[in-house]
Amino acid sequence: KHGVLAIVFDGIKGLPEPLQPDIELRVQWAYNVNHIEKIYNYQLAVANHLTTLLSKHGIKTTILKGLSTSTLYPIPSHRQCGDIDIYLNGDYHRGNRALESLGLEIDYDYFVHSCTTFKGIEIENHQYFVNPDINATSSYIESQLEQLANSATTHPIVSNALMPSADFALLFTLRHLSWHYARESIKIRDLCDWALLLTRCKEDIDTQYVMQTLQRSGLERFAAILTTLAVNYLGIDSPLPFREEYQPLSERVLDDII
């Protein structure tokens, strides 16, 4: 349910033998981890196929969320992914037409992105990163993300694709987590993502810009709460100088998540 079965298994395997689960549970657990790896590798192959097809139309693809965030993990295939989110760097409409030319049916019922299914995997083609019409926070964050989108670099595991910058990934992830938390809560996997963004990308984060953006958008408190949980329970050192830790409120948020 929380998307961390494979990650936890990596930790379980490092325990001393007397603390290991019984062999029957370990075999079952290993089988499920293997299944997660197969799904991830299939999604990665689909992403490579898709970006190669789009590149033939002269379209640059930026991979958002899952397959990009997974590269921060010690074993990328142990970060469970769902659909594939893409941004076509100004070629949203042309990209949809290119996908339709492949015989794919495009669903335009969503405001932020279109949806289609390619080789059994749902693809979300983002016209916007967040819905700018919801409130002032979303409108401001969208404007920042549009500027940061230009700083994407070559993707490390998907061919003919780009990967968002650290600043983009932080703001994009945080806005999505705040939106999902308000509507339906988030998962432990989301906390792991946040912790790894802060630690693995800390040398690339423009601290002054990120903190200024969080304060202007009203997202600083939520970011501080997630960071406090990552520090307390996932053992990280925060690279961001939050003005407060919100310890009691953080525990309430953790209760909601669990």
C-alpha atoms as a PDB file:
ATOM      1  CA  LYS A   1       0.000   0.000   0.000  1.00  0.00           C
ATOM      2  CA  HIS A   2       2.809   2.439   0.809  1.00  0.00           C
ATOM      3  CA  GLY A   3       5.034   1.456  -2.113  1.00  0.00           C
ATOM      4  CA  VAL A   4       8.068   0.467  -0.038  1.00  0.00           C
ATOM      5  CA  LEU A   5       7.944  -3.345  -0.042  1.00  0.00           C
ATOM      6  CA  ALA A   6      11.154  -3.718  -2.087  1.00  0.00           C
ATOM      7  CA  ILE A   7      12.963  -0.928  -0.208  1.00  0.00           C
ATOM      8  CA  VAL A   8      12.156  -2.471   3.174  1.00  0.00           C
ATOM      9  CA  PHE A   9      13.314  -5.884   1.920  1.00  0.00           C
ATOM     10  CA  ASP A  10      16.732  -4.382   1.150  1.00  0.00           C
ATOM     11  CA  GLY A  11      16.938  -3.392   4.817  1.00  0.00           C
ATOM     12  CA  ILE A  12      15.602  -6.716   6.077  1.00  0.00           C
ATOM     13  CA  LYS A  13      18.351  -8.577   4.178  1.00  0.00           C
ATOM     14  CA  GLY A  14      20.961  -6.604   6.107  1.00  0.00           C
ATOM     15  CA  LEU A  15      19.693  -7.743   9.499  1.00  0.00           C
ATOM     16  CA  PRO A  16      21.615 -10.358  11.537  1.00  0.00           C
ATOM     17  CA  GLU A  17      20.343 -13.891  10.983  1.00  0.00           C
ATOM     18  CA  PRO A  18      18.523 -14.140  14.363  1.00  0.00           C
ATOM     19  CA  LEU A  19      16.439 -11.086  13.396  1.00  0.00           C
ATOM     20  CA  GLN A  20      15.562 -12.308   9.909  1.00  0.00           C
ATOM     21  CA  PRO A  21      11.939 -13.268   9.157  1.00  0.00           C
ATOM     22  CA  ASP A  22      11.282 -16.977   8.740  1.00  0.00           C
ATOM     23  CA  ILE A  23      12.312 -18.534   5.437  1.00  0.00           C
ATOM     24  CA  GLU A  24       8.769 -18.897   4.134  1.00  0.00           C
ATOM     25  CA  LEU A  25       8.094 -15.171   4.504  1.00  0.00           C
ATOM     26  CA  ARG A  26      11.480 -14.288   2.996  1.00  0.00           C
ATOM     27  CA  VAL A  27      10.803 -16.423  -0.079  1.00  0.00           C
ATOM     28  CA  GLN A  28       7.379 -14.836  -0.543  1.00  0.00           C
ATOM     29  CA  TRP A  29       8.874 -11.374  -0.023  1.00  0.00           C
ATOM     30  CA  ALA A  30      11.690 -12.018  -2.507  1.00  0.00           C
ATOM     31  CA  TYR A  31       9.169 -13.222  -5.087  1.00  0.00           C
ATOM     32  CA  ASN A  32       7.209  -9.972  -4.766  1.00  0.00           C
ATOM     33  CA  VAL A  33      10.370  -7.864  -5.001  1.00  0.00           C
ATOM     34  CA  ASN A  34      11.286  -9.713  -8.180  1.00  0.00           C
ATOM     35  CA  HIS A  35       7.824  -8.913  -9.555  1.00  0.00           C
ATOM     36  CA  ILE A  36       8.317  -5.203  -8.741  1.00  0.00           C
ATOM     37  CA  GLU A  37      11.673  -5.255 -10.562  1.00  0.00           C
ATOM     38  CA  LYS A  38      10.089  -6.825 -13.658  1.00  0.00           C
ATOM     39  CA  ILE A  39       7.351  -4.197 -13.756  1.00  0.00           C
ATOM     40  CA  TYR A  40       9.896  -1.396 -13.359  1.00  0.00           C
ATOM     41  CA  ASN A  41      12.140  -2.766 -16.114  1.00  0.00           C
ATOM     42  CA  TYR A  42       9.157  -3.097 -18.431  1.00  0.00           C
ATOM     43  CA  GLN A  43       8.114   0.510 -17.721  1.00  0.00           C
ATOM     44  CA  LEU A  44      11.677   1.633 -18.396  1.00  0.00           C
ATOM     45  CA  ALA A  45      11.686  -0.222 -21.725  1.00  0.00           C
ATOM     46  CA  VAL A  46       8.348   1.372 -22.653  1.00  0.00           C
ATOM     47  CA  ALA A  47       9.678   4.826 -21.742  1.00  0.00           C
ATOM     48  CA  ASN A  48      12.747   4.273 -23.936  1.00  0.00           C
ATOM     49  CA  HIS A  49      10.555   3.135 -26.822  1.00  0.00           C
ATOM     50  CA  LEU A  50       8.224   6.117 -26.433  1.00  0.00           C
ATOM     51  CA  THR A  51      10.953   8.769 -26.235  1.00  0.00           C
ATOM     52  CA  THR A  52      12.697   7.277 -29.263  1.00  0.00           C
ATOM     53  CA  LEU A  53       9.468   7.461 -31.279  1.00  0.00           C
ATOM     54  CA  LEU A  54       8.853  11.063 -30.216  1.00  0.00           C
ATOM     55  CA  SER A  55      12.451  12.036 -31.013  1.00  0.00           C
ATOM     56  CA  LYS A  56      11.842  10.920 -34.611  1.00  0.00           C
ATOM     57  CA  HIS A  57       9.218  13.678 -34.726  1.00  0.00           C
ATOM     58  CA  GLY A  58      11.789  16.153 -33.413  1.00  0.00           C
ATOM     59  CA  ILE A  59      10.154  16.257 -29.974  1.00  0.00           C
ATOM     60  CA  LYS A  60      12.226  16.463 -26.783  1.00  0.00           C
ATOM     61  CA  THR A  61      10.757  14.528 -23.850  1.00  0.00           C
ATOM     62  CA  THR A  62      11.328  15.338 -20.181  1.00  0.00           C
ATOM     63  CA  ILE A  63      10.542  12.439 -17.828  1.00  0.00           C
ATOM     64  CA  LEU A  64       8.772  13.654 -14.692  1.00  0.00           C
ATOM     65  CA  LYS A  65       8.326  11.979 -11.306  1.00  0.00           C
ATOM     66  CA  GLY A  66       8.683   8.164 -11.026  1.00  0.00           C
ATOM     67  CA  LEU A  67      11.324   7.084 -13.516  1.00  0.00           C
ATOM     68  CA  SER A  68      13.397  10.195 -12.773  1.00  0.00           C
ATOM     69  CA  THR A  69      13.018  10.013  -8.987  1.00  0.00           C
ATOM     70  CA  SER A  70      13.947   6.313  -9.071  1.00  0.00           C
ATOM     71  CA  THR A  71      17.482   7.199 -10.203  1.00  0.00           C
ATOM     72  CA  LEU A  72      18.102   8.638  -6.719  1.00  0.00           C
ATOM     73  CA  TYR A  73      17.559   5.239  -5.087  1.00  0.00           C
ATOM     74  CA  PRO A  74      20.394   2.748  -4.405  1.00  0.00           C
ATOM     75  CA  ILE A  75      18.442   0.228  -6.516  1.00  0.00           C
ATOM     76  CA  PRO A  76      16.241   2.211  -8.936  1.00  0.00           C
ATOM     77  CA  SER A  77      14.017  -0.773  -9.759  1.00  0.00           C
ATOM     78  CA  HIS A  78      12.987  -1.010  -6.097  1.00  0.00           C
ATOM     79  CA  ARG A  79      11.201   2.342  -6.286  1.00  0.00           C
ATOM     80  CA  GLN A  80       7.716   1.345  -7.431  1.00  0.00           C
ATOM     81  CA  CYS A  81       6.380   3.456 -10.294  1.00  0.00           C
ATOM     82  CA  GLY A  82       2.869   3.769 -11.665  1.00  0.00           C
ATOM     83  CA  ASP A  83       2.270   5.645 -14.895  1.00  0.00           C
ATOM     84  CA  ILE A  84       4.839   7.544 -16.953  1.00  0.00           C
ATOM     85  CA  ASP A  85       4.624  11.348 -16.777  1.00  0.00           C
ATOM     86  CA  ILE A  86       6.153  13.289 -19.646  1.00  0.00           C
ATOM     87  CA  TYR A  87       6.558  16.936 -20.610  1.00  0.00           C
ATOM     88  CA  LEU A  88       7.265  17.701 -24.260  1.00  0.00           C
ATOM     89  CA  ASN A  89       8.917  21.097 -23.870  1.00  0.00           C
ATOM     90  CA  GLY A  90       6.319  23.179 -25.709  1.00  0.00           C
ATOM     91  CA  ASP A  91       5.233  20.417 -28.090  1.00  0.00           C
ATOM     92  CA  TYR A  92       2.193  19.230 -26.127  1.00  0.00           C
ATOM     93  CA  HIS A  93      -0.237  19.387 -29.069  1.00  0.00           C
ATOM     94  CA  ARG A  94       2.243  18.113 -31.645  1.00  0.00           C
ATOM     95  CA  GLY A  95       3.124  15.279 -29.276  1.00  0.00           C
ATOM     96  CA  ASN A  96      -0.504  14.278 -28.954  1.00  0.00           C
ATOM     97  CA  ARG A  97      -0.831  14.236 -32.732  1.00  0.00           C
ATOM     98  CA  ALA A  98       2.305  12.109 -32.988  1.00  0.00           C
ATOM     99  CA  LEU A  99       0.859   9.626 -30.482  1.00  0.00           C
ATOM    100  CA  GLU A 100      -2.442   9.562 -32.377  1.00  0.00           C
ATOM    101  CA  SER A 101      -0.527   8.798 -35.579  1.00  0.00           C
ATOM    102  CA  LEU A 102       0.638   5.604 -33.851  1.00  0.00           C
ATOM    103  CA  GLY A 103      -2.996   4.578 -33.489  1.00  0.00           C
ATOM    104  CA  LEU A 104      -3.233   5.547 -29.814  1.00  0.00           C
ATOM    105  CA  GLU A 105      -6.447   6.988 -28.399  1.00  0.00           C
ATOM    106  CA  ILE A 106      -5.884  10.230 -26.485  1.00  0.00           C
ATOM    107  CA  ASP A 107      -8.068  11.224 -23.543  1.00  0.00           C
ATOM    108  CA  TYR A 108      -8.333  15.016 -23.286  1.00  0.00           C
ATOM    109  CA  ASP A 109     -10.689  15.081 -20.292  1.00  0.00           C
ATOM    110  CA  TYR A 110      -7.936  16.229 -17.920  1.00  0.00           C
ATOM    111  CA  PHE A 111      -6.933  19.893 -17.759  1.00  0.00           C
ATOM    112  CA  VAL A 112      -3.298  19.499 -16.725  1.00  0.00           C
ATOM    113  CA  HIS A 113      -2.402  16.625 -19.054  1.00  0.00           C
ATOM    114  CA  SER A 114      -3.729  14.281 -21.684  1.00  0.00           C
ATOM    115  CA  CYS A 115      -3.768  10.522 -21.113  1.00  0.00           C
ATOM    116  CA  THR A 116      -3.125   7.531 -23.317  1.00  0.00           C
ATOM    117  CA  THR A 117      -2.042   3.921 -22.933  1.00  0.00           C
ATOM    118  CA  PHE A 118       1.126   2.813 -24.718  1.00  0.00           C
ATOM    119  CA  LYS A 119       2.066  -0.864 -24.600  1.00  0.00           C
ATOM    120  CA  GLY A 120      -0.100  -1.351 -21.522  1.00  0.00           C
ATOM    121  CA  ILE A 121       1.376   1.606 -19.563  1.00  0.00           C
ATOM    122  CA  GLU A 122      -0.578   4.803 -18.888  1.00  0.00           C
ATOM    123  CA  ILE A 123       1.158   7.887 -20.246  1.00  0.00           C
ATOM    124  CA  GLU A 124       0.360  11.373 -18.951  1.00  0.00           C
ATOM    125  CA  ASN A 125       1.482  14.104 -21.335  1.00  0.00           C
ATOM    126  CA  HIS A 126       1.646  17.323 -19.308  1.00  0.00           C
ATOM    127  CA  GLN A 127       0.545  20.608 -20.828  1.00  0.00           C
ATOM    128  CA  TYR A 128       0.912  22.139 -17.369  1.00  0.00           C
ATOM    129  CA  PHE A 129       2.883  20.881 -14.376  1.00  0.00           C
ATOM    130  CA  VAL A 130       0.169  21.782 -11.868  1.00  0.00           C
ATOM    131  CA  ASN A 131      -3.275  23.278 -12.357  1.00  0.00           C
ATOM    132  CA  PRO A 132      -2.596  27.042 -12.335  1.00  0.00           C
ATOM    133  CA  ASP A 133      -6.305  27.881 -12.002  1.00  0.00           C
ATOM    134  CA  ILE A 134      -6.819  26.276  -8.572  1.00  0.00           C
ATOM    135  CA  ASN A 135      -5.320  28.987  -6.371  1.00  0.00           C
ATOM    136  CA  ALA A 136      -2.511  31.527  -6.071  1.00  0.00           C
ATOM    137  CA  THR A 137      -0.055  28.878  -4.834  1.00  0.00           C
ATOM    138  CA  SER A 138      -0.551  26.677  -7.902  1.00  0.00           C
ATOM    139  CA  SER A 139      -0.402  29.649 -10.258  1.00  0.00           C
ATOM    140  CA  TYR A 140       2.886  30.841  -8.750  1.00  0.00           C
ATOM    141  CA  ILE A 141       4.464  27.380  -8.645  1.00  0.00           C
ATOM    142  CA  GLU A 142       3.430  26.747 -12.259  1.00  0.00           C
ATOM    143  CA  SER A 143       5.171  29.942 -13.359  1.00  0.00           C
ATOM    144  CA  GLN A 144       8.350  28.902 -11.540  1.00  0.00           C
ATOM    145  CA  LEU A 145       8.286  25.377 -12.938  1.00  0.00           C
ATOM    146  CA  GLU A 146       7.850  26.674 -16.489  1.00  0.00           C
ATOM    147  CA  GLN A 147      11.046  28.697 -16.075  1.00  0.00           C
ATOM    148  CA  LEU A 148      12.949  25.815 -14.449  1.00  0.00           C
ATOM    149  CA  ALA A 149      11.868  23.373 -17.174  1.00  0.00           C
ATOM    150  CA  ASN A 150      14.526  24.883 -19.420  1.00  0.00           C
ATOM    151  CA  SER A 151      17.286  23.644 -17.103  1.00  0.00           C
ATOM    152  CA  ALA A 152      16.640  19.926 -17.682  1.00  0.00           C
ATOM    153  CA  THR A 153      19.656  17.739 -18.479  1.00  0.00           C
ATOM    154  CA  THR A 154      20.239  14.436 -20.250  1.00  0.00           C
ATOM    155  CA  HIS A 155      18.356  11.605 -18.585  1.00  0.00           C
ATOM    156  CA  PRO A 156      20.655   8.940 -17.081  1.00  0.00           C
ATOM    157  CA  ILE A 157      18.504   5.877 -17.869  1.00  0.00           C
ATOM    158  CA  VAL A 158      15.992   6.884 -20.577  1.00  0.00           C
ATOM    159  CA  SER A 159      17.373   7.443 -24.060  1.00  0.00           C
ATOM    160  CA  ASN A 160      16.420  10.561 -26.061  1.00  0.00           C
ATOM    161  CA  ALA A 161      15.044  12.101 -22.864  1.00  0.00           C
ATOM    162  CA  LEU A 162      15.715  14.842 -20.339  1.00  0.00           C
ATOM    163  CA  MET A 163      15.654  14.845 -16.540  1.00  0.00           C
ATOM    164  CA  PRO A 164      14.429  17.863 -14.523  1.00  0.00           C
ATOM    165  CA  SER A 165      16.841  19.913 -12.420  1.00  0.00           C
ATOM    166  CA  ALA A 166      17.027  19.496  -8.643  1.00  0.00           C
ATOM    167  CA  ASP A 167      15.141  22.756  -8.010  1.00  0.00           C
ATOM    168  CA  PHE A 168      12.377  21.726 -10.403  1.00  0.00           C
ATOM    169  CA  ALA A 169      12.108  18.251  -8.869  1.00  0.00           C
ATOM    170  CA  LEU A 170      11.837  19.662  -5.337  1.00  0.00           C
ATOM    171  CA  LEU A 171       9.104  22.182  -6.169  1.00  0.00           C
ATOM    172  CA  PHE A 172       7.181  19.858  -8.486  1.00  0.00           C
ATOM    173  CA  THR A 173       7.260  16.984  -6.000  1.00  0.00           C
ATOM    174  CA  LEU A 174       6.279  19.192  -3.075  1.00  0.00           C
ATOM    175  CA  ARG A 175       3.312  20.776  -4.856  1.00  0.00           C
ATOM    176  CA  HIS A 176       2.004  17.373  -5.895  1.00  0.00           C
ATOM    177  CA  LEU A 177       2.449  15.940  -2.413  1.00  0.00           C
ATOM    178  CA  SER A 178       0.657  18.899  -0.799  1.00  0.00           C
ATOM    179  CA  TRP A 179      -2.203  18.499  -3.267  1.00  0.00           C
ATOM    180  CA  HIS A 180      -2.505  14.744  -2.695  1.00  0.00           C
ATOM    181  CA  TYR A 181      -2.122  15.093   1.075  1.00  0.00           C
ATOM    182  CA  ALA A 182      -5.011  17.563   1.198  1.00  0.00           C
ATOM    183  CA  ARG A 183      -7.244  15.309  -0.914  1.00  0.00           C
ATOM    184  CA  GLU A 184      -6.352  11.749   0.066  1.00  0.00           C
ATOM    185  CA  SER A 185      -3.064  11.641   2.034  1.00  0.00           C
ATOM    186  CA  ILE A 186       0.310  10.476   0.748  1.00  0.00           C
ATOM    187  CA  LYS A 187       2.480   7.372   1.191  1.00  0.00           C
ATOM    188  CA  ILE A 188       5.685   6.424   2.953  1.00  0.00           C
ATOM    189  CA  ARG A 189       7.257   6.135  -0.508  1.00  0.00           C
ATOM    190  CA  ASP A 190       6.592   9.868  -0.947  1.00  0.00           C
ATOM    191  CA  LEU A 191       8.566  10.599   2.229  1.00  0.00           C
ATOM    192  CA  CYS A 192      11.421   8.470   0.876  1.00  0.00           C
ATOM    193  CA  ASP A 193      11.322  10.428  -2.394  1.00  0.00           C
ATOM    194  CA  TRP A 194      11.485  13.726  -0.511  1.00  0.00           C
ATOM    195  CA  ALA A 195      14.365  12.535   1.682  1.00  0.00           C
ATOM    196  CA  LEU A 196      16.389  11.409  -1.335  1.00  0.00           C
ATOM    197  CA  LEU A 197      15.715  14.622  -3.260  1.00  0.00           C
ATOM    198  CA  LEU A 198      17.105  16.581  -0.313  1.00  0.00           C
ATOM    199  CA  THR A 199      20.176  14.396   0.196  1.00  0.00           C
ATOM    200  CA  ARG A 200      21.175  13.120  -3.249  1.00  0.00           C
ATOM    201  CA  CYS A 201      20.571  16.487  -4.927  1.00  0.00           C
ATOM    202  CA  LYS A 202      21.798  18.815  -2.158  1.00  0.00           C
ATOM    203  CA  GLU A 203      24.865  19.987  -4.116  1.00  0.00           C
ATOM    204  CA  ASP A 204      22.618  21.059  -7.011  1.00  0.00           C
ATOM    205  CA  ILE A 205      19.916  22.822  -4.984  1.00  0.00           C
ATOM    206  CA  ASP A 206      19.858  26.625  -5.170  1.00  0.00           C
ATOM    207  CA  THR A 207      19.036  27.012  -1.476  1.00  0.00           C
ATOM    208  CA  GLN A 208      18.288  30.730  -1.566  1.00  0.00           C
ATOM    209  CA  TYR A 209      15.965  30.393  -4.564  1.00  0.00           C
ATOM    210  CA  VAL A 210      14.138  27.335  -3.199  1.00  0.00           C
ATOM    211  CA  MET A 211      13.555  28.851   0.243  1.00  0.00           C
ATOM    212  CA  GLN A 212      12.376  32.123  -1.281  1.00  0.00           C
ATOM    213  CA  THR A 213       9.975  30.249  -3.563  1.00  0.00           C
ATOM    214  CA  LEU A 214       8.621  28.109  -0.722  1.00  0.00           C
ATOM    215  CA  GLN A 215       7.980  31.200   1.402  1.00  0.00           C
ATOM    216  CA  ARG A 216       6.315  33.160  -1.412  1.00  0.00           C
ATOM    217  CA  SER A 217       4.124  30.219  -2.406  1.00  0.00           C
ATOM    218  CA  GLY A 218       3.019  29.368   1.130  1.00  0.00           C
ATOM    219  CA  LEU A 219       4.507  25.867   0.895  1.00  0.00           C
ATOM    220  CA  GLU A 220       7.335  26.365   3.382  1.00  0.00           C
ATOM    221  CA  ARG A 221       5.465  24.876   6.351  1.00  0.00           C
ATOM    222  CA  PHE A 222       4.481  21.714   4.467  1.00  0.00           C
ATOM    223  CA  ALA A 223       8.054  21.343   3.196  1.00  0.00           C
ATOM    224  CA  ALA A 224       9.373  21.807   6.741  1.00  0.00           C
ATOM    225  CA  ILE A 225       6.986  19.132   8.068  1.00  0.00           C
ATOM    226  CA  LEU A 226       8.038  16.570   5.463  1.00  0.00           C
ATOM    227  CA  THR A 227      11.672  17.402   6.111  1.00  0.00           C
ATOM    228  CA  THR A 228      11.253  17.048   9.878  1.00  0.00           C
ATOM    229  CA  LEU A 229       9.799  13.559   9.321  1.00  0.00           C
ATOM    230  CA  ALA A 230      12.666  12.675   6.975  1.00  0.00           C
ATOM    231  CA  VAL A 231      15.195  13.864   9.576  1.00  0.00           C
ATOM    232  CA  ASN A 232      13.498  12.116  12.511  1.00  0.00           C
ATOM    233  CA  TYR A 233      12.649   8.804  10.856  1.00  0.00           C
ATOM    234  CA  LEU A 234      14.809   8.452   7.740  1.00  0.00           C
ATOM    235  CA  GLY A 235      18.047   9.778   9.213  1.00  0.00           C
ATOM    236  CA  ILE A 236      18.852  12.607   6.814  1.00  0.00           C
ATOM    237  CA  ASP A 237      20.451  16.002   7.393  1.00  0.00           C
ATOM    238  CA  SER A 238      18.363  18.769   5.854  1.00  0.00           C
ATOM    239  CA  PRO A 239      20.157  21.093   3.418  1.00  0.00           C
ATOM    240  CA  LEU A 240      17.316  23.648   3.670  1.00  0.00           C
ATOM    241  CA  PRO A 241      17.283  26.224   6.517  1.00  0.00           C
ATOM    242  CA  PHE A 242      13.660  26.101   7.631  1.00  0.00           C
ATOM    243  CA  ARG A 243      12.623  28.622  10.258  1.00  0.00           C
ATOM    244  CA  GLU A 244      10.677  26.010  12.257  1.00  0.00           C
ATOM    245  CA  GLU A 245      10.430  22.208  12.522  1.00  0.00           C
ATOM    246  CA  TYR A 246       6.753  21.860  13.562  1.00  0.00           C
ATOM    247  CA  GLN A 247       7.462  18.746  15.641  1.00  0.00           C
ATOM    248  CA  PRO A 248       3.949  18.103  17.096  1.00  0.00           C
ATOM    249  CA  LEU A 249       2.275  18.895  13.769  1.00  0.00           C
ATOM    250  CA  SER A 250       4.747  16.610  11.969  1.00  0.00           C
ATOM    251  CA  GLU A 251       3.689  13.702  14.182  1.00  0.00           C
ATOM    252  CA  ARG A 252       0.041  14.352  13.314  1.00  0.00           C
ATOM    253  CA  VAL A 253       0.923  14.340   9.612  1.00  0.00           C
ATOM    254  CA  LEU A 254       2.812  11.066  10.061  1.00  0.00           C
ATOM    255  CA  ASP A 255      -0.244   9.548  11.745  1.00  0.00           C
ATOM    256  CA  ASP A 256      -2.336  10.623   8.757  1.00  0.00           C
ATOM    257  CA  ILE A 257       0.120   9.068   6.329  1.00  0.00           C
ATOM    258  CA  ILE A 258       0.324   5.765   8.192  1.00  0.00           C
END
